[in-house]
Amino acid sequence: MVCVIGEALIDLVMDPATAASAGPKTYLAHPGGSPFNVAIGLARLGQPAQLLARLSGDAFGRQLRAHAEANGVDLSYAVNAAEASTLAVVSLDAERNAGYDFYRTGTADWQWSAAELDRMPADTSWIHTGSLASWTEPGAGVICDQLRRRRGRQPVVISYDPNIRPDLLPDHRSALEQVEAMVGLADVVKASAEDLDWLYPGQDAESVLRRWRSLGASIVVMTDGGRGARYLASEDRVGMVPSRPVEVIDTVGAGDAFMAGLINALAAGGYVGRAGAGRDGPGGTAAEAVVAAAVTEAILVAALTCARAGANPPTAAELAAAQADPYQF
């Protein structure tokens, strides 16, 4: 069981039918938020997933809850929040890449208390977090403290995706400190090339991956859109996996789908994080093979998501079909 901690918000996506019109625009409300999307992606791939989110009781919160439950996500430990749901207005550029404007002041996703996070089962073996919830106060510090306590008292795999949104961060120095603190707690870290460019301007990706591994992460991965992904799972070699050719409808949720695919594949491959350090643990030859296979599968999961509109990750059956017939899309 993977427990995902973080935001569950509503993406307001412009209806393509009104996008080119000079008149009023129509926006469609879609469930979203990076951690929410990761939990949905995991559940669709057959990986049991719990979502520890603060879900509002408003109409949007009810929509989020219904969508998660319909996809088999466990909401047993989700919080019934009094605050309103967070909104993200999604725009698409000429290449169908998504941009976001957030309405988040005083909303449900950032008001975590230690008691709420303590509801997570004591025997949780994998925790994933990241995105806005991991660097938006007051909740970000509470999440970081929870992970630090869990790391100190039990064997647990922690994965993290910073999912940087520069316009929402207070300043570069504080953001870098927050991200590196989370990297130091995590076993598996995934970031995009854009994330690394903003966090470490002028530095090459390989040096950043090595820095993050030196901070404590066992596996670090950088996604780079149509150029595929690079990963570091041992001290001496940065691996590269090419992208999968696909007709892109849009990139909404693609990074989250990749993260879900990566977690699912690593868990299926027996990855146990720092608790498994040794012959077959981080840095070992078995881990290298597991990571290469996991990144390859994650790229396929993301490609399948890009081939259809919105954050709509594939099911296990759809992934298996694509693996059996690589030329079908």
Protein backbone atom coordinates (compact mmCIF):
# COMPACT_ATOMS: atom_id res chain seq x y z
CA MET A 1 0.00 0.00 0.00
CA VAL A 2 1.32 3.43 -1.00
CA CYS A 3 0.11 6.40 1.06
CA VAL A 4 0.08 9.64 -0.94
CA ILE A 5 0.11 12.91 1.01
CA GLY A 6 -0.79 16.19 -0.64
CA GLU A 7 -3.26 18.35 -2.47
CA ALA A 8 -6.46 17.35 -4.22
CA LEU A 9 -7.72 20.29 -6.22
CA ILE A 10 -9.89 21.17 -9.19
CA ASP A 11 -8.40 21.92 -12.61
CA LEU A 12 -10.60 24.39 -14.51
CA VAL A 13 -9.72 23.60 -18.13
CA MET A 14 -10.93 25.77 -20.98
CA ASP A 15 -13.42 23.99 -23.22
CA PRO A 16 -11.77 23.67 -26.66
CA ALA A 17 -15.15 24.48 -28.24
CA THR A 18 -14.97 28.04 -26.84
CA ALA A 19 -11.19 28.54 -26.86
CA ALA A 20 -11.07 30.21 -30.29
CA SER A 21 -14.23 32.23 -29.73
CA ALA A 22 -14.08 35.97 -29.04
CA GLY A 23 -16.97 35.54 -26.63
CA PRO A 24 -17.16 34.13 -23.09
CA LYS A 25 -15.08 31.04 -22.37
CA THR A 26 -16.40 27.85 -20.82
CA TYR A 27 -14.24 25.99 -18.30
CA LEU A 28 -14.67 22.33 -17.41
CA ALA A 29 -13.98 21.20 -13.84
CA HIS A 30 -11.65 18.20 -13.66
CA PRO A 31 -10.27 16.54 -10.51
CA GLY A 32 -6.55 17.21 -10.19
CA GLY A 33 -3.54 18.08 -8.10
CA SER A 34 -0.25 16.24 -8.46
CA PRO A 35 -0.54 13.94 -5.40
CA PHE A 36 -4.20 13.26 -6.22
CA ASN A 37 -3.22 12.31 -9.78
CA VAL A 38 -0.44 10.04 -8.51
CA ALA A 39 -2.89 8.20 -6.24
CA ILE A 40 -5.33 7.76 -9.14
CA GLY A 41 -2.50 6.57 -11.39
CA LEU A 42 -1.33 4.01 -8.83
CA ALA A 43 -4.83 2.65 -8.26
CA ARG A 44 -5.46 2.30 -11.99
CA LEU A 45 -2.20 0.38 -12.35
CA GLY A 46 -3.38 -2.04 -9.66
CA GLN A 47 -1.17 -0.68 -6.88
CA PRO A 48 -3.19 -0.24 -3.65
CA ALA A 49 -3.15 3.47 -2.85
CA GLN A 50 -4.33 5.58 0.06
CA LEU A 51 -4.81 9.32 -0.35
CA LEU A 52 -4.14 11.41 2.74
CA ALA A 53 -5.61 14.70 1.55
CA ARG A 54 -7.73 17.45 3.10
CA LEU A 55 -10.98 17.24 1.13
CA SER A 56 -13.43 20.12 1.36
CA GLY A 57 -17.13 19.53 1.90
CA ASP A 58 -18.01 21.90 -0.96
CA ALA A 59 -19.22 20.77 -4.38
CA PHE A 60 -15.68 20.51 -5.75
CA GLY A 61 -14.55 18.52 -2.71
CA ARG A 62 -17.42 16.09 -3.23
CA GLN A 63 -16.39 15.74 -6.86
CA LEU A 64 -12.81 14.95 -5.84
CA ARG A 65 -13.95 12.37 -3.30
CA ALA A 66 -16.28 10.67 -5.78
CA HIS A 67 -13.59 10.47 -8.47
CA ALA A 68 -11.02 9.00 -6.09
CA GLU A 69 -13.45 6.39 -4.78
CA ALA A 70 -14.60 5.47 -8.30
CA ASN A 71 -10.97 4.71 -9.17
CA GLY A 72 -10.37 2.54 -6.12
CA VAL A 73 -8.33 4.99 -4.05
CA ASP A 74 -8.62 4.40 -0.30
CA LEU A 75 -9.86 7.57 1.46
CA SER A 76 -10.05 6.05 4.94
CA TYR A 77 -7.55 8.55 6.33
CA ALA A 78 -8.49 11.60 4.28
CA VAL A 79 -9.52 14.67 6.28
CA ASN A 80 -12.99 16.22 6.06
CA ALA A 81 -11.89 19.84 5.76
CA ALA A 82 -14.01 22.91 6.51
CA GLU A 83 -12.09 25.14 4.08
CA ALA A 84 -12.90 25.57 0.38
CA SER A 85 -11.29 23.53 -2.39
CA THR A 86 -8.23 24.86 -4.22
CA LEU A 87 -8.72 25.81 -7.88
CA ALA A 88 -6.21 25.76 -10.74
CA VAL A 89 -7.07 27.39 -14.06
CA VAL A 90 -5.34 25.43 -16.82
CA SER A 91 -4.23 26.95 -20.12
CA LEU A 92 -2.61 25.18 -23.07
CA ASP A 93 0.02 26.66 -25.39
CA ALA A 94 0.42 25.96 -29.11
CA GLU A 95 2.28 22.72 -28.35
CA ARG A 96 -0.50 21.62 -25.94
CA ASN A 97 1.74 22.08 -22.88
CA ALA A 98 -0.19 23.00 -19.76
CA GLY A 99 0.20 26.18 -17.71
CA TYR A 100 -1.53 26.85 -14.39
CA ASP A 101 -2.92 29.79 -12.40
CA PHE A 102 -3.81 28.86 -8.81
CA TYR A 103 -6.47 30.13 -6.41
CA ARG A 104 -5.25 28.78 -3.08
CA THR A 105 -5.39 31.41 -0.34
CA GLY A 106 -6.93 29.88 2.79
CA THR A 107 -8.04 26.74 0.99
CA ALA A 108 -8.18 23.22 2.40
CA ASP A 109 -4.98 21.69 1.06
CA TRP A 110 -2.43 23.60 3.15
CA GLN A 111 -3.93 23.54 6.67
CA TRP A 112 -2.39 20.28 7.95
CA SER A 113 -2.08 19.53 11.64
CA ALA A 114 0.23 16.92 13.13
CA ALA A 115 -2.80 15.04 14.49
CA GLU A 116 -4.28 14.74 11.00
CA LEU A 117 -1.09 13.25 9.56
CA ASP A 118 -0.71 10.93 12.56
CA ARG A 119 -3.81 9.14 11.27
CA MET A 120 -1.59 7.44 8.70
CA PRO A 121 -1.22 3.74 9.65
CA ALA A 122 1.90 2.98 11.67
CA ASP A 123 2.85 0.13 9.32
CA THR A 124 2.76 2.23 6.13
CA SER A 125 5.61 0.93 3.97
CA TRP A 126 5.67 3.56 1.17
CA ILE A 127 4.86 7.28 1.41
CA HIS A 128 4.75 9.64 -1.55
CA THR A 129 4.47 13.42 -1.38
CA GLY A 130 5.45 16.52 -3.28
CA SER A 131 4.16 19.43 -5.32
CA LEU A 132 2.43 22.42 -3.74
CA ALA A 133 1.66 20.69 -0.43
CA SER A 134 5.36 20.03 0.18
CA TRP A 135 6.33 23.71 0.01
CA THR A 136 3.16 25.67 0.86
CA GLU A 137 2.97 26.72 4.49
CA PRO A 138 1.66 26.21 7.06
CA GLY A 139 1.19 22.58 6.03
CA ALA A 140 4.56 21.97 4.37
CA GLY A 141 6.49 22.05 7.63
CA VAL A 142 4.00 19.66 9.23
CA ILE A 143 4.41 17.18 6.36
CA CYS A 144 8.21 17.41 6.54
CA ASP A 145 8.15 16.79 10.30
CA GLN A 146 5.89 13.76 9.82
CA LEU A 147 8.25 12.23 7.26
CA ARG A 148 11.24 12.89 9.49
CA ARG A 149 9.56 11.09 12.40
CA ARG A 150 8.51 8.17 10.20
CA ARG A 151 12.01 7.88 8.79
CA GLY A 152 13.44 7.73 12.31
CA ARG A 153 11.21 5.02 13.70
CA GLN A 154 10.23 2.54 10.97
CA PRO A 155 11.35 1.01 7.65
CA VAL A 156 9.59 3.06 4.99
CA VAL A 157 10.22 4.05 1.38
CA ILE A 158 9.66 7.76 0.75
CA SER A 159 9.25 9.19 -2.75
CA TYR A 160 9.13 12.86 -3.64
CA ASP A 161 8.39 15.07 -6.65
CA PRO A 162 8.95 18.82 -6.05
CA ASN A 163 6.85 19.80 -9.10
CA ILE A 164 8.11 23.38 -8.97
CA ARG A 165 5.76 26.29 -9.68
CA PRO A 166 8.04 29.36 -9.55
CA ASP A 167 5.21 31.91 -9.33
CA LEU A 168 3.92 30.27 -6.13
CA LEU A 169 7.25 30.11 -4.29
CA PRO A 170 8.34 32.91 -1.94
CA ASP A 171 11.95 33.13 -3.13
CA HIS A 172 14.59 30.96 -4.74
CA ARG A 173 16.77 30.44 -1.67
CA SER A 174 13.91 29.31 0.58
CA ALA A 175 12.54 27.05 -2.12
CA LEU A 176 15.92 25.39 -2.65
CA GLU A 177 16.31 24.80 1.08
CA GLN A 178 12.84 23.21 1.29
CA VAL A 179 13.43 20.99 -1.72
CA GLU A 180 16.84 19.81 -0.54
CA ALA A 181 15.46 19.04 2.92
CA MET A 182 12.83 16.80 1.32
CA VAL A 183 15.40 15.19 -0.99
CA GLY A 184 17.42 14.31 2.10
CA LEU A 185 14.44 12.45 3.56
CA ALA A 186 13.49 10.63 0.37
CA ASP A 187 14.61 7.37 -1.21
CA VAL A 188 13.20 8.11 -4.67
CA VAL A 189 13.11 11.60 -6.19
CA LYS A 190 11.69 12.59 -9.56
CA ALA A 191 11.93 16.07 -11.04
CA SER A 192 11.52 17.61 -14.47
CA ALA A 193 14.25 19.35 -16.45
CA GLU A 194 12.34 22.61 -15.88
CA ASP A 195 12.42 22.02 -12.12
CA LEU A 196 16.18 21.56 -12.14
CA ASP A 197 16.76 24.55 -14.43
CA TRP A 198 14.90 26.79 -12.00
CA LEU A 199 16.42 25.34 -8.83
CA TYR A 200 20.00 25.17 -10.15
CA PRO A 201 20.37 27.69 -13.00
CA GLY A 202 23.41 27.06 -15.16
CA GLN A 203 24.21 23.64 -13.68
CA ASP A 204 24.11 20.50 -15.78
CA ALA A 205 21.53 17.88 -14.91
CA GLU A 206 24.03 15.14 -14.13
CA SER A 207 25.73 17.19 -11.42
CA VAL A 208 22.35 17.94 -9.83
CA LEU A 209 21.38 14.28 -9.84
CA ARG A 210 24.67 13.44 -8.13
CA ARG A 211 24.13 16.21 -5.58
CA TRP A 212 20.68 14.88 -4.73
CA ARG A 213 22.03 11.38 -4.33
CA SER A 214 24.71 12.72 -1.99
CA LEU A 215 21.96 14.34 0.11
CA GLY A 216 20.43 10.93 0.77
CA ALA A 217 18.17 9.88 -2.10
CA SER A 218 18.94 6.42 -3.48
CA ILE A 219 17.27 6.86 -6.88
CA VAL A 220 17.02 10.21 -8.66
CA VAL A 221 15.26 10.70 -11.97
CA MET A 222 14.96 13.71 -14.28
CA THR A 223 12.24 13.73 -16.94
CA ASP A 224 12.84 15.82 -20.04
CA GLY A 225 9.69 15.66 -22.16
CA GLY A 226 10.30 14.29 -25.62
CA ARG A 227 13.95 13.64 -24.79
CA GLY A 228 13.10 10.90 -22.30
CA ALA A 229 14.53 10.60 -18.80
CA ARG A 230 17.87 10.32 -17.04
CA TYR A 231 18.38 8.47 -13.80
CA LEU A 232 21.08 7.83 -11.24
CA ALA A 233 20.91 4.70 -9.09
CA SER A 234 24.60 4.11 -8.45
CA GLU A 235 27.66 6.24 -7.86
CA ASP A 236 29.25 5.84 -11.26
CA ARG A 237 26.69 5.92 -14.07
CA VAL A 238 23.83 8.16 -15.18
CA GLY A 239 21.39 6.11 -17.24
CA MET A 240 19.23 7.38 -20.08
CA VAL A 241 15.90 6.07 -21.36
CA PRO A 242 14.47 7.59 -24.57
CA SER A 243 10.91 8.85 -24.84
CA ARG A 244 8.08 6.95 -26.52
CA PRO A 245 6.78 8.48 -29.78
CA VAL A 246 3.19 9.56 -29.31
CA GLU A 247 0.69 11.99 -30.82
CA VAL A 248 0.31 14.42 -27.93
CA ILE A 249 -3.20 15.56 -27.10
CA ASP A 250 -1.94 17.46 -24.06
CA THR A 251 0.60 17.05 -21.26
CA VAL A 252 -1.81 17.54 -18.33
CA GLY A 253 -0.88 15.04 -15.62
CA ALA A 254 1.99 13.53 -17.61
CA GLY A 255 4.56 14.02 -14.85
CA ASP A 256 2.18 12.58 -12.27
CA ALA A 257 1.51 9.58 -14.49
CA PHE A 258 5.27 9.07 -14.79
CA MET A 259 5.61 9.21 -11.00
CA ALA A 260 2.81 6.67 -10.51
CA GLY A 261 4.38 4.38 -13.11
CA LEU A 262 7.80 4.70 -11.46
CA ILE A 263 6.49 3.91 -7.97
CA ASN A 264 4.40 1.01 -9.24
CA ALA A 265 7.28 -0.54 -11.18
CA LEU A 266 9.80 -0.10 -8.36
CA ALA A 267 7.41 -1.65 -5.83
CA ALA A 268 6.71 -4.55 -8.18
CA GLY A 269 10.46 -4.99 -8.63
CA GLY A 270 10.95 -5.38 -4.89
CA TYR A 271 12.57 -2.02 -4.16
CA VAL A 272 12.71 -1.40 -0.40
CA GLY A 273 14.74 1.81 -0.17
CA ARG A 274 17.36 2.43 2.48
CA ALA A 275 16.13 -0.57 4.46
CA GLY A 276 17.39 -2.77 1.63
CA ALA A 277 20.87 -1.31 1.25
CA GLY A 278 23.39 -4.01 0.53
CA ARG A 279 24.03 -6.48 -2.26
CA ASP A 280 20.65 -5.91 -3.94
CA GLY A 281 19.97 -2.48 -2.47
CA PRO A 282 20.63 1.02 -3.78
CA GLY A 283 23.78 1.10 -5.86
CA GLY A 284 23.84 -2.66 -6.44
CA THR A 285 23.58 -4.26 -9.87
CA ALA A 286 20.10 -5.62 -9.17
CA ALA A 287 18.89 -2.14 -8.22
CA GLU A 288 20.36 -0.70 -11.44
CA ALA A 289 18.37 -3.18 -13.55
CA VAL A 290 15.20 -2.56 -11.54
CA VAL A 291 15.53 1.21 -11.91
CA ALA A 292 16.17 1.05 -15.68
CA ALA A 293 13.09 -1.13 -16.15
CA ALA A 294 11.01 1.09 -13.88
CA VAL A 295 11.97 4.29 -15.73
CA THR A 296 11.19 2.61 -19.06
CA GLU A 297 7.75 1.59 -17.82
CA ALA A 298 7.09 5.03 -16.32
CA ILE A 299 7.85 6.68 -19.67
CA LEU A 300 5.28 4.44 -21.33
CA VAL A 301 2.67 5.29 -18.67
CA ALA A 302 3.30 9.01 -19.25
CA ALA A 303 3.14 8.60 -23.04
CA LEU A 304 -0.22 6.85 -22.81
CA THR A 305 -1.48 9.74 -20.68
CA CYS A 306 -0.26 12.34 -23.19
CA ALA A 307 -2.13 10.52 -25.95
CA ARG A 308 -5.48 11.51 -24.46
CA ALA A 309 -6.98 14.64 -22.96
CA GLY A 310 -6.48 15.61 -19.35
CA ALA A 311 -4.95 13.77 -16.41
CA ASN A 312 -6.23 10.38 -17.52
CA PRO A 313 -3.58 7.74 -16.74
CA PRO A 314 -3.80 4.19 -18.08
CA THR A 315 -5.08 1.10 -16.34
CA ALA A 316 -2.93 -1.97 -15.79
CA ALA A 317 -4.67 -3.64 -18.75
CA GLU A 318 -3.97 -0.67 -21.04
CA LEU A 319 -0.33 -0.62 -19.97
CA ALA A 320 0.01 -4.36 -20.59
CA ALA A 321 -1.54 -3.98 -24.05
CA ALA A 322 0.90 -1.19 -24.95
CA GLN A 323 3.83 -3.26 -23.71
CA ALA A 324 2.68 -6.22 -25.83
CA ASP A 325 2.22 -4.07 -28.95
CA PRO A 326 4.63 -1.11 -28.86
CA TYR A 327 3.45 0.19 -32.25
CA GLN A 328 -0.21 0.57 -31.36
CA PHE A 329 0.03 4.27 -30.50
